[in-house]
Amino acid sequence: MTPHFFPILAVGVALVISGCTNTAPPVAQQPPPADCGASLLQDKVGEPVAGSSAADATVGGVPVQSKGDVRVIAPGQAVIQNYSESRLNLETDGSGNLVRATCG
């Protein structure tokens, strides 16, 4: 082999290695809920609620699925009474656990 061959070989090996990537398989998309998402949470009563919006709300550590906004309501918290059938209301107890999930 000639000395000029080694740089070419090194570039070729680098190109092959850079083409190897470790990508995770795509996450399966869940079908949208039939309602605002409340029906999917009926068996989660008593589990902890975290977050405060559709982007970050979880119940029992699992992200909630909603067709619209998500509203987490603490005991005694005032809420506006405008109805939206796509909004998911997560009512919690004093410990932050789910008491009721409703649309509205």
Protein backbone atom coordinates (compact mmCIF):
# COMPACT_ATOMS: atom_id res chain seq x y z
CA MET A 1 0.00 0.00 0.00
CA THR A 2 1.16 3.48 -0.75
CA PRO A 3 1.28 6.24 1.85
CA HIS A 4 -1.41 8.15 -0.08
CA PHE A 5 -3.84 5.26 0.35
CA PHE A 6 -4.11 5.55 4.19
CA PRO A 7 -5.83 8.97 4.28
CA ILE A 8 -8.32 7.79 1.67
CA LEU A 9 -8.97 4.61 3.63
CA ALA A 10 -9.43 6.61 6.86
CA VAL A 11 -11.98 8.92 5.19
CA GLY A 12 -13.84 5.92 3.78
CA VAL A 13 -14.02 4.22 7.18
CA ALA A 14 -15.22 7.47 8.82
CA LEU A 15 -17.98 7.81 6.24
CA VAL A 16 -19.16 4.24 6.79
CA ILE A 17 -19.15 4.64 10.58
CA SER A 18 -20.97 7.96 10.45
CA GLY A 19 -23.76 6.32 8.46
CA CYS A 20 -24.49 3.96 11.37
CA THR A 21 -27.03 5.50 13.67
CA ASN A 22 -29.02 4.16 16.56
CA THR A 23 -32.54 5.50 16.10
CA ALA A 24 -35.45 4.48 18.26
CA PRO A 25 -38.46 2.95 16.56
CA PRO A 26 -41.33 5.38 16.01
CA VAL A 27 -43.80 5.67 18.87
CA ALA A 28 -47.17 4.23 17.99
CA GLN A 29 -49.79 6.95 17.80
CA GLN A 30 -52.82 6.32 19.98
CA PRO A 31 -56.18 6.92 18.33
CA PRO A 32 -57.83 10.13 19.54
CA PRO A 33 -60.30 9.67 22.39
CA ALA A 34 -63.99 9.36 21.56
CA ASP A 35 -64.79 12.25 23.91
CA CYS A 36 -62.54 14.93 25.44
CA GLY A 37 -60.41 12.17 26.98
CA ALA A 38 -62.36 11.72 30.21
CA SER A 39 -63.56 8.22 29.33
CA LEU A 40 -59.95 7.02 29.13
CA LEU A 41 -59.31 8.11 32.73
CA GLN A 42 -62.22 6.54 34.63
CA ASP A 43 -60.00 3.71 35.92
CA LYS A 44 -57.31 6.22 37.03
CA VAL A 45 -59.29 7.76 39.94
CA GLY A 46 -56.99 8.02 42.96
CA GLU A 47 -53.79 8.28 40.91
CA PRO A 48 -51.58 11.39 41.08
CA VAL A 49 -52.14 14.21 38.60
CA ALA A 50 -49.13 16.25 37.45
CA GLY A 51 -48.82 19.14 35.01
CA SER A 52 -51.38 21.75 34.14
CA SER A 53 -51.91 21.74 30.37
CA ALA A 54 -52.51 19.39 27.46
CA ALA A 55 -48.77 19.50 26.75
CA ASP A 56 -47.63 18.23 30.16
CA ALA A 57 -50.58 16.75 32.10
CA THR A 58 -50.17 13.19 33.34
CA VAL A 59 -52.31 10.90 35.48
CA GLY A 60 -50.44 8.12 37.22
CA GLY A 61 -47.34 9.07 35.23
CA VAL A 62 -49.06 8.53 31.87
CA PRO A 63 -49.67 11.51 29.56
CA VAL A 64 -53.36 12.32 29.14
CA GLN A 65 -54.98 12.32 25.72
CA SER A 66 -57.40 15.10 25.00
CA LYS A 67 -59.02 16.62 21.93
CA GLY A 68 -58.63 20.08 23.43
CA ASP A 69 -57.42 21.94 26.48
CA VAL A 70 -56.74 20.25 29.80
CA ARG A 71 -57.73 21.97 33.02
CA VAL A 72 -56.46 20.67 36.37
CA ILE A 73 -58.80 21.81 39.13
CA ALA A 74 -57.69 21.75 42.78
CA PRO A 75 -60.23 21.69 45.65
CA GLY A 76 -61.82 25.12 46.10
CA GLN A 77 -60.18 26.53 42.98
CA ALA A 78 -62.36 29.00 41.07
CA VAL A 79 -62.90 28.11 37.43
CA ILE A 80 -64.62 29.97 34.64
CA GLN A 81 -67.91 28.34 33.65
CA ASN A 82 -67.57 28.50 29.87
CA TYR A 83 -68.39 25.09 28.43
CA SER A 84 -66.16 23.42 25.86
CA GLU A 85 -66.93 19.82 24.98
CA SER A 86 -63.32 19.27 23.89
CA ARG A 87 -61.82 20.45 27.22
CA LEU A 88 -60.75 17.80 29.73
CA ASN A 89 -61.28 18.75 33.38
CA LEU A 90 -59.17 16.86 35.92
CA GLU A 91 -60.53 17.45 39.41
CA THR A 92 -58.06 16.60 42.16
CA ASP A 93 -58.17 16.14 45.93
CA GLY A 94 -55.95 17.94 48.44
CA SER A 95 -53.13 15.48 47.74
CA GLY A 96 -53.24 16.05 43.98
CA ASN A 97 -54.88 12.73 43.16
CA LEU A 98 -57.58 12.39 40.51
CA VAL A 99 -61.11 12.55 41.91
CA ARG A 100 -63.03 13.02 38.67
CA ALA A 101 -62.37 13.48 34.94
CA THR A 102 -65.08 15.24 32.92
CA CYS A 103 -65.56 17.07 29.66
CA GLY A 104 -66.53 20.68 29.74
